[in-house]
C-alpha atoms as a PDB file:
ATOM      1  CA  SER A   1     109.198 103.858 116.724  1.00  0.00           C
ATOM      2  CA  SER A   2     112.564 102.376 115.754  1.00  0.00           C
ATOM      3  CA  THR A   3     111.753  99.165 117.640  1.00  0.00           C
ATOM      4  CA  ILE A   4     108.395  98.995 115.860  1.00  0.00           C
ATOM      5  CA  SER A   5     110.171  99.555 112.577  1.00  0.00           C
ATOM      6  CA  LYS A   6     112.700  96.811 113.409  1.00  0.00           C
ATOM      7  CA  HIS A   7     109.839  94.532 114.425  1.00  0.00           C
ATOM      8  CA  TRP A   8     108.053  95.100 111.133  1.00  0.00           C
ATOM      9  CA  GLU A   9     111.295  94.648 109.194  1.00  0.00           C
ATOM     10  CA  ALA A  10     111.873  91.329 110.954  1.00  0.00           C
ATOM     11  CA  GLU A  11     108.260  90.356 110.276  1.00  0.00           C
ATOM     12  CA  LEU A  12     108.688  91.339 106.627  1.00  0.00           C
ATOM     13  CA  ALA A  13     111.904  89.283 106.346  1.00  0.00           C
ATOM     14  CA  THR A  14     110.119  86.272 107.883  1.00  0.00           C
ATOM     15  CA  LEU A  15     107.216  86.696 105.486  1.00  0.00           C
ATOM     16  CA  LYS A  16     109.586  86.992 102.539  1.00  0.00           C
ATOM     17  CA  GLY A  17     111.277  83.740 103.611  1.00  0.00           C
ATOM     18  CA  ASN A  18     107.897  82.030 104.016  1.00  0.00           C
ATOM     19  CA  ASN A  19     106.815  83.434 100.671  1.00  0.00           C
ATOM     20  CA  ALA A  20     109.912  82.022  98.965  1.00  0.00           C
ATOM     21  CA  LYS A  21     109.325  78.600 100.564  1.00  0.00           C
ATOM     22  CA  LEU A  22     105.655  78.631  99.612  1.00  0.00           C
ATOM     23  CA  THR A  23     106.485  79.706  96.066  1.00  0.00           C
ATOM     24  CA  ALA A  24     108.948  76.828  95.746  1.00  0.00           C
ATOM     25  CA  ALA A  25     106.382  74.405  97.198  1.00  0.00           C
ATOM     26  CA  LEU A  26     103.746  75.794  94.861  1.00  0.00           C
ATOM     27  CA  LEU A  27     105.983  75.287  91.821  1.00  0.00           C
ATOM     28  CA  GLU A  28     106.800  71.761  92.947  1.00  0.00           C
ATOM     29  CA  SER A  29     103.117  71.058  93.614  1.00  0.00           C
ATOM     30  CA  THR A  30     102.154  72.387  90.194  1.00  0.00           C
ATOM     31  CA  ALA A  31     104.733  70.136  88.584  1.00  0.00           C
ATOM     32  CA  ASN A  32     103.415  67.177  90.591  1.00  0.00           C
ATOM     33  CA  VAL A  33      99.841  67.996  89.586  1.00  0.00           C
ATOM     34  CA  LYS A  34     100.836  68.029  85.922  1.00  0.00           C
ATOM     35  CA  GLN A  35     102.653  64.738  86.333  1.00  0.00           C
ATOM     36  CA  TRP A  36      99.672  63.190  88.129  1.00  0.00           C
ATOM     37  CA  LYS A  37      97.300  64.425  85.444  1.00  0.00           C
ATOM     38  CA  GLN A  38      99.511  62.750  82.857  1.00  0.00           C
ATOM     39  CA  GLN A  39      99.555  59.575  84.943  1.00  0.00           C
ATOM     40  CA  LEU A  40      95.793  59.839  85.361  1.00  0.00           C
ATOM     41  CA  ALA A  41      95.323  60.158  81.608  1.00  0.00           C
ATOM     42  CA  ALA A  42      97.645  57.190  81.112  1.00  0.00           C
ATOM     43  CA  TYR A  43      95.668  55.176  83.714  1.00  0.00           C
ATOM     44  CA  GLN A  44      92.409  56.073  82.026  1.00  0.00           C
ATOM     45  CA  GLU A  45      93.775  55.081  78.654  1.00  0.00           C
ATOM     46  CA  GLU A  46      95.076  51.862  80.183  1.00  0.00           C
ATOM     47  CA  ALA A  47      91.669  51.209  81.774  1.00  0.00           C
ATOM     48  CA  GLU A  48      89.897  51.803  78.463  1.00  0.00           C
ATOM     49  CA  ARG A  49      92.384  49.575  76.673  1.00  0.00           C
ATOM     50  CA  LEU A  50      91.857  46.875  79.296  1.00  0.00           C
ATOM     51  CA  HIS A  51      88.068  47.159  78.982  1.00  0.00           C
ATOM     52  CA  LYS A  52      88.381  46.782  75.213  1.00  0.00           C
ATOM     53  CA  ARG A  53      90.745  43.895  75.686  1.00  0.00           C
ATOM     54  CA  VAL A  54      88.306  42.173  78.063  1.00  0.00           C
ATOM     55  CA  THR A  55      85.529  42.634  75.516  1.00  0.00           C
ATOM     56  CA  GLU A  56      87.739  41.271  72.746  1.00  0.00           C
ATOM     57  CA  LEU A  57      88.757  38.311  74.876  1.00  0.00           C
ATOM     58  CA  GLU A  58      85.153  37.513  75.740  1.00  0.00           C
ATOM     59  CA  CYS A  59      84.213  37.578  72.058  1.00  0.00           C
ATOM     60  CA  VAL A  60      87.225  35.720  70.722  1.00  0.00           C
ATOM     61  CA  SER A  61      87.877  33.139  73.392  1.00  0.00           C
ATOM     62  CA  SER A  62      85.857  30.008  73.625  1.00  0.00           C
ATOM     63  CA  GLN A  63      87.296  29.169  76.982  1.00  0.00           C
ATOM     64  CA  ALA A  64      84.988  30.897  79.398  1.00  0.00           C
ATOM     65  CA  ASN A  65      86.986  30.058  82.523  1.00  0.00           C
ATOM     66  CA  ALA A  66      90.206  31.521  81.168  1.00  0.00           C
ATOM     67  CA  VAL A  67      88.372  34.617  80.016  1.00  0.00           C
ATOM     68  CA  HIS A  68      86.556  34.890  83.328  1.00  0.00           C
ATOM     69  CA  THR A  69      89.842  34.624  85.238  1.00  0.00           C
ATOM     70  CA  HIS A  70      91.464  37.163  82.966  1.00  0.00           C
ATOM     71  CA  LYS A  71      88.403  39.421  83.282  1.00  0.00           C
ATOM     72  CA  THR A  72      88.600  39.166  87.069  1.00  0.00           C
ATOM     73  CA  GLU A  73      92.270  40.120  86.979  1.00  0.00           C
ATOM     74  CA  LEU A  74      91.522  43.022  84.654  1.00  0.00           C
ATOM     75  CA  ASN A  75      88.662  44.185  86.850  1.00  0.00           C
ATOM     76  CA  GLN A  76      90.978  44.010  89.838  1.00  0.00           C
ATOM     77  CA  THR A  77      93.556  46.057  87.924  1.00  0.00           C
ATOM     78  CA  ILE A  78      90.835  48.552  87.018  1.00  0.00           C
ATOM     79  CA  GLN A  79      89.804  48.810  90.665  1.00  0.00           C
ATOM     80  CA  GLU A  80      93.423  49.381  91.671  1.00  0.00           C
ATOM     81  CA  LEU A  81      93.716  52.064  88.999  1.00  0.00           C
ATOM     82  CA  GLU A  82      90.501  53.712  90.215  1.00  0.00           C
ATOM     83  CA  THR A  83      91.815  53.643  93.802  1.00  0.00           C
ATOM     84  CA  THR A  84      95.053  55.223  92.621  1.00  0.00           C
ATOM     85  CA  LEU A  85      92.999  57.777  90.697  1.00  0.00           C
ATOM     86  CA  LYS A  86      91.015  58.674  93.836  1.00  0.00           C
ATOM     87  CA  LYS A  87      94.233  59.085  95.806  1.00  0.00           C
ATOM     88  CA  LYS A  88      95.674  61.346  93.110  1.00  0.00           C
ATOM     89  CA  GLU A  89      92.471  63.416  93.084  1.00  0.00           C
ATOM     90  CA  GLU A  90      92.701  63.787  96.871  1.00  0.00           C
ATOM     91  CA  GLU A  91      96.330  64.875  96.517  1.00  0.00           C
ATOM     92  CA  ILE A  92      95.279  67.397  93.865  1.00  0.00           C
ATOM     93  CA  GLU A  93      92.665  68.799  96.269  1.00  0.00           C
ATOM     94  CA  GLY A  94      95.308  69.027  98.986  1.00  0.00           C
ATOM     95  CA  LEU A  95      97.615  70.872  96.624  1.00  0.00           C
ATOM     96  CA  LYS A  96      94.810  73.258  95.693  1.00  0.00           C
ATOM     97  CA  GLN A  97      94.331  73.970  99.392  1.00  0.00           C
ATOM     98  CA  GLU A  98      98.073  74.614  99.783  1.00  0.00           C
ATOM     99  CA  ILE A  99      97.924  77.006  96.838  1.00  0.00           C
ATOM    100  CA  GLU A 100      95.034  78.855  98.476  1.00  0.00           C
ATOM    101  CA  ASN A 101      96.973  79.030 101.749  1.00  0.00           C
ATOM    102  CA  ALA A 102      99.981  80.389  99.874  1.00  0.00           C
ATOM    103  CA  ARG A 103      97.782  83.074  98.315  1.00  0.00           C
ATOM    104  CA  GLU A 104      96.411  84.019 101.729  1.00  0.00           C
ATOM    105  CA  LEU A 105      99.937  84.275 103.133  1.00  0.00           C
ATOM    106  CA  GLN A 106     100.921  86.405 100.150  1.00  0.00           C
ATOM    107  CA  ALA A 107      97.984  88.732 100.874  1.00  0.00           C
ATOM    108  CA  GLN A 108      99.004  88.922 104.550  1.00  0.00           C
ATOM    109  CA  ARG A 109     102.585  89.694 103.553  1.00  0.00           C
ATOM    110  CA  ASP A 110     101.405  92.436 101.216  1.00  0.00           C
ATOM    111  CA  SER A 111      99.214  93.893 103.963  1.00  0.00           C
ATOM    112  CA  LEU A 112     102.067  93.839 106.481  1.00  0.00           C
ATOM    113  CA  THR A 113     104.402  95.402 103.928  1.00  0.00           C
ATOM    114  CA  GLN A 114     101.933  98.223 103.409  1.00  0.00           C
ATOM    115  CA  LYS A 115     101.555  98.703 107.173  1.00  0.00           C
ATOM    116  CA  LEU A 116     105.331  98.750 107.557  1.00  0.00           C
ATOM    117  CA  GLN A 117     105.607 101.421 104.883  1.00  0.00           C
ATOM    118  CA  GLU A 118     102.923 103.463 106.639  1.00  0.00           C
ATOM    119  CA  VAL A 119     104.757 103.127 109.955  1.00  0.00           C
ATOM    120  CA  GLU A 120     108.027 104.186 108.311  1.00  0.00           C
ATOM    121  CA  ILE A 121     106.326 107.248 106.792  1.00  0.00           C
ATOM    122  CA  ARG A 122     104.767 108.116 110.158  1.00  0.00           C
ATOM    123  CA  ASN A 123     108.167 107.606 111.812  1.00  0.00           C
ATOM    124  CA  LYS A 124     109.789 110.013 109.343  1.00  0.00           C
ATOM    125  CA  ASP A 125     107.035 112.566 109.987  1.00  0.00           C
ATOM    126  CA  LEU A 126     107.556 112.278 113.733  1.00  0.00           C
ATOM    127  CA  GLU A 127     111.318 112.608 113.324  1.00  0.00           C
ATOM    128  CA  GLY A 128     110.742 115.760 111.276  1.00  0.00           C
ATOM    129  CA  GLN A 129     108.429 117.163 113.950  1.00  0.00           C
ATOM    130  CA  LEU A 130     110.962 116.301 116.652  1.00  0.00           C
ATOM    131  CA  SER A 131     113.740 118.029 114.712  1.00  0.00           C
ATOM    132  CA  ASP A 132     111.523 121.108 114.255  1.00  0.00           C
ATOM    133  CA  LEU A 133     110.687 121.181 117.963  1.00  0.00           C
ATOM    134  CA  GLU A 134     114.372 120.819 118.886  1.00  0.00           C
ATOM    135  CA  GLN A 135     115.223 123.773 116.630  1.00  0.00           C
ATOM    136  CA  ARG A 136     112.431 125.838 118.172  1.00  0.00           C
ATOM    137  CA  LEU A 137     113.619 124.951 121.676  1.00  0.00           C
ATOM    138  CA  GLU A 138     117.210 125.908 120.834  1.00  0.00           C
ATOM    139  CA  LYS A 139     116.030 129.200 119.296  1.00  0.00           C
ATOM    140  CA  SER A 140     113.876 129.905 122.353  1.00  0.00           C
ATOM    141  CA  GLN A 141     116.776 129.143 124.698  1.00  0.00           C
ATOM    142  CA  ASN A 142     119.042 131.449 122.677  1.00  0.00           C
ATOM    143  CA  GLU A 143     116.429 134.209 122.826  1.00  0.00           C
ATOM    144  CA  GLN A 144     116.036 133.747 126.608  1.00  0.00           C
ATOM    145  CA  GLU A 145     119.816 133.882 127.047  1.00  0.00           C
ATOM    146  CA  ALA A 146     119.994 137.094 124.989  1.00  0.00           C
ATOM    147  CA  PHE A 147     117.102 138.556 127.032  1.00  0.00           C
ATOM    148  CA  ARG A 148     118.901 137.680 130.316  1.00  0.00           C
ATOM    149  CA  ASN A 149     122.090 139.272 129.045  1.00  0.00           C
ATOM    150  CA  ASN A 150     120.157 142.425 128.091  1.00  0.00           C
ATOM    151  CA  LEU A 151     118.517 142.477 131.547  1.00  0.00           C
ATOM    152  CA  LYS A 152     121.918 142.113 133.245  1.00  0.00           C
ATOM    153  CA  THR A 153     123.300 144.974 131.162  1.00  0.00           C
ATOM    154  CA  LEU A 154     120.235 147.096 131.996  1.00  0.00           C
ATOM    155  CA  LEU A 155     120.593 146.253 135.714  1.00  0.00           C
ATOM    156  CA  GLU A 156     124.263 147.220 135.628  1.00  0.00           C
ATOM    157  CA  ILE A 157     123.379 150.548 133.958  1.00  0.00           C
ATOM    158  CA  LEU A 158     120.536 151.073 136.456  1.00  0.00           C
ATOM    159  CA  ASP A 159     122.889 150.290 139.367  1.00  0.00           C
ATOM    160  CA  GLY A 160     125.330 152.831 137.961  1.00  0.00           C
ATOM    161  CA  LYS A 161     122.571 155.481 137.630  1.00  0.00           C
ATOM    162  CA  ILE A 162     121.290 154.746 141.148  1.00  0.00           C
ATOM    163  CA  PHE A 163     124.828 155.118 142.467  1.00  0.00           C
ATOM    164  CA  GLU A 164     125.206 158.430 140.598  1.00  0.00           C
ATOM    165  CA  LEU A 165     121.825 159.639 141.928  1.00  0.00           C
ATOM    166  CA  THR A 166     122.843 158.636 145.452  1.00  0.00           C
ATOM    167  CA  GLU A 167     126.081 160.627 145.120  1.00  0.00           C
ATOM    168  CA  LEU A 168     124.130 163.560 143.678  1.00  0.00           C
ATOM    169  CA  ARG A 169     121.680 163.400 146.604  1.00  0.00           C
ATOM    170  CA  ASP A 170     124.521 163.243 149.085  1.00  0.00           C
ATOM    171  CA  ASN A 171     126.206 166.218 147.408  1.00  0.00           C
ATOM    172  CA  LEU A 172     122.940 168.148 147.392  1.00  0.00           C
ATOM    173  CA  ALA A 173     122.402 167.311 151.069  1.00  0.00           C
ATOM    174  CA  LYS A 174     125.903 168.575 151.880  1.00  0.00           C
ATOM    175  CA  LEU A 175     125.256 171.766 149.946  1.00  0.00           C
ATOM    176  CA  ILE A 176     122.024 172.344 151.809  1.00  0.00           C
ATOM    177  CA  GLU A 177     123.794 171.804 155.140  1.00  0.00           C
ATOM    178  CA  CYS A 178     126.566 174.146 154.206  1.00  0.00           C
ATOM    179  CA  SER A 179     124.300 176.936 153.121  1.00  0.00           C
END
């Protein structure tokens, strides 16, 4: 039971270490998510501003080729921003998955902690039972030793009485022979 207890303690220490690492990663991921959301908002604002700018340039400019070139560049920038946005969304999904994994590991750690506590309680109960049995055994051995000593004393007394009876018989036999 002590090796099981040590095993669970080692498992608990490992889980605590993993939990600390996952908590740190979770905090860092949360910070990154916030930063990416801010960047995303900035990209969206930039995209809207660029769309407005393209519209303004189309209305104001009389040079269609220059506007068309600028519009193409802006559309390309918008596409790049949308690609970046998709990547950030994928990263956010990945971070959500990591958060879920961290929660699952936390639940496993809690479950193992509870099992370890149950094993420790059971171990203490068994140690108490063992101590009780050892005390009973010692008491029983003491009682047996006292019983043996009493039997030896009784045998010694009985031997003495038998010896006295034998002498009495011999004396009686001598008296009968003499009379």
